[in-house]
């Protein structure tokens, strides 16, 4: 997983679902986690993602899929409502991970020419 994945986990489970005011995973100058830094390797990105997944699991452990979090007014414009269920968040995260894994697969196919592996 990547730094952006850690950022998405924090955003959806801590900020949106739990309503916490949390800073970006990798600081204010790297809000979405996409800025590359030569000193940040795979181990750090993986550890950050695993920590965010663990925190998200803690926050939803006793929640119902019908419980909801709250989007900002601007974000609500993209999905139609400020109230958003845990069910919606979970499905969205599955879609996000599948989409980004698909992107990685496209890059790998360009490198080695293998498809469908």
Protein backbone atom coordinates (compact mmCIF):
# COMPACT_ATOMS: atom_id res chain seq x y z
CA UNK A 1 0.00 0.00 0.00
CA UNK A 2 1.06 3.58 -0.35
CA UNK A 3 1.19 6.87 1.50
CA UNK A 4 -1.97 8.05 -0.31
CA UNK A 5 -3.72 4.90 0.95
CA UNK A 6 -2.79 5.82 4.52
CA UNK A 7 -4.18 9.30 3.91
CA UNK A 8 -7.45 7.87 2.58
CA UNK A 9 -7.81 5.55 5.56
CA UNK A 10 -7.29 8.47 7.97
CA UNK A 11 -9.66 10.72 6.07
CA UNK A 12 -12.60 8.34 5.80
CA UNK A 13 -12.48 6.59 9.16
CA UNK A 14 -11.04 9.22 11.51
CA UNK A 15 -12.11 12.51 9.97
CA UNK A 16 -15.39 11.67 8.21
CA UNK A 17 -16.77 8.75 10.23
CA UNK A 18 -15.46 9.57 13.72
CA UNK A 19 -15.51 13.36 13.28
CA UNK A 20 -11.96 13.77 14.53
CA UNK A 21 -9.82 16.77 13.66
CA UNK A 22 -6.66 14.95 12.61
CA UNK A 23 -3.67 16.31 10.70
CA UNK A 24 -2.56 14.85 7.35
CA UNK A 25 -0.55 11.64 7.77
CA UNK A 26 2.65 13.13 6.32
CA UNK A 27 2.23 16.75 7.38
CA UNK A 28 0.56 19.92 6.18
CA UNK A 29 2.87 20.24 3.16
CA UNK A 30 1.92 16.78 1.91
CA UNK A 31 -1.83 16.68 2.54
CA UNK A 32 -2.64 13.87 0.10
CA UNK A 33 0.55 11.86 0.67
CA UNK A 34 1.61 12.03 -2.98
CA UNK A 35 4.77 14.13 -2.61
CA UNK A 36 7.80 11.88 -3.10
CA UNK A 37 10.68 12.01 -0.65
CA UNK A 38 13.90 10.10 -1.24
CA UNK A 39 14.22 9.33 2.48
CA UNK A 40 10.78 7.65 2.66
CA UNK A 41 10.83 4.03 1.63
CA UNK A 42 8.36 1.21 1.26
CA UNK A 43 8.74 0.13 4.89
CA UNK A 44 7.69 3.57 6.16
CA UNK A 45 4.75 3.81 3.75
CA UNK A 46 3.58 0.30 4.68
CA UNK A 47 3.89 0.99 8.42
CA UNK A 48 1.93 4.25 8.08
CA UNK A 49 -0.83 2.49 6.14
CA UNK A 50 -1.02 -0.38 8.65
CA UNK A 51 -1.26 2.09 11.54
CA UNK A 52 -4.11 3.94 9.83
CA UNK A 53 -5.96 0.70 9.07
CA UNK A 54 -5.59 -0.37 12.72
CA UNK A 55 -6.92 2.98 13.97
CA UNK A 56 -9.86 2.83 11.56
CA UNK A 57 -10.72 -0.68 12.77
CA UNK A 58 -10.70 0.55 16.37
CA UNK A 59 -13.10 3.35 15.50
CA UNK A 60 -15.62 1.12 13.72
CA UNK A 61 -15.34 -1.98 15.94
CA UNK A 62 -18.66 -1.40 17.70
CA UNK A 63 -20.38 0.55 14.93
CA UNK A 64 -23.29 -0.49 12.78
CA UNK A 65 -23.02 -0.23 9.00
CA UNK A 66 -25.98 2.16 9.28
CA UNK A 67 -24.09 4.55 11.58
CA UNK A 68 -22.98 7.65 9.77
CA UNK A 69 -20.27 10.23 9.62
CA UNK A 70 -20.37 13.71 8.18
CA UNK A 71 -18.83 15.22 5.07
CA UNK A 72 -18.01 18.87 4.61
CA UNK A 73 -20.45 20.87 2.52
CA UNK A 74 -17.98 20.87 -0.38
CA UNK A 75 -17.42 17.09 -0.21
CA UNK A 76 -21.16 16.49 0.05
CA UNK A 77 -21.52 18.11 -3.37
CA UNK A 78 -19.77 15.06 -4.86
CA UNK A 79 -21.97 12.43 -3.18
CA UNK A 80 -25.22 14.33 -2.63
CA UNK A 81 -25.47 14.43 1.18
CA UNK A 82 -23.40 15.43 4.19
CA UNK A 83 -24.46 12.35 6.16
CA UNK A 84 -22.67 9.26 4.93
CA UNK A 85 -23.07 5.73 6.29
CA UNK A 86 -20.28 3.45 7.38
CA UNK A 87 -21.60 1.02 4.74
CA UNK A 88 -20.99 3.65 2.03
CA UNK A 89 -17.50 4.37 3.40
CA UNK A 90 -16.58 0.65 3.45
CA UNK A 91 -17.77 0.11 -0.14
CA UNK A 92 -15.97 3.27 -1.23
CA UNK A 93 -12.71 2.06 0.36
CA UNK A 94 -13.02 -1.28 -1.45
CA UNK A 95 -13.47 0.64 -4.71
CA UNK A 96 -10.51 2.91 -3.93
CA UNK A 97 -8.15 0.04 -3.18
CA UNK A 98 -9.32 -1.90 -6.23
CA UNK A 99 -8.86 1.15 -8.46
CA UNK A 100 -5.35 1.88 -7.23
CA UNK A 101 -4.33 -1.76 -7.36
CA UNK A 102 -5.60 -1.74 -10.95
CA UNK A 103 -3.41 1.28 -11.69
CA UNK A 104 -0.40 -0.56 -10.32
CA UNK A 105 -1.28 -3.56 -12.47
CA UNK A 106 -1.37 -1.35 -15.58
CA UNK A 107 2.10 -0.03 -14.76
CA UNK A 108 3.41 -3.55 -14.20
CA UNK A 109 1.93 -4.68 -17.54
CA UNK A 110 3.82 -1.86 -19.27
CA UNK A 111 7.04 -3.02 -17.66
CA UNK A 112 6.86 -6.77 -18.20
CA UNK A 113 4.21 -7.14 -20.91
CA UNK A 114 2.30 -9.78 -18.93
CA UNK A 115 -1.47 -9.34 -18.73
CA UNK A 116 -4.01 -11.16 -16.62
CA UNK A 117 -1.42 -12.38 -14.11
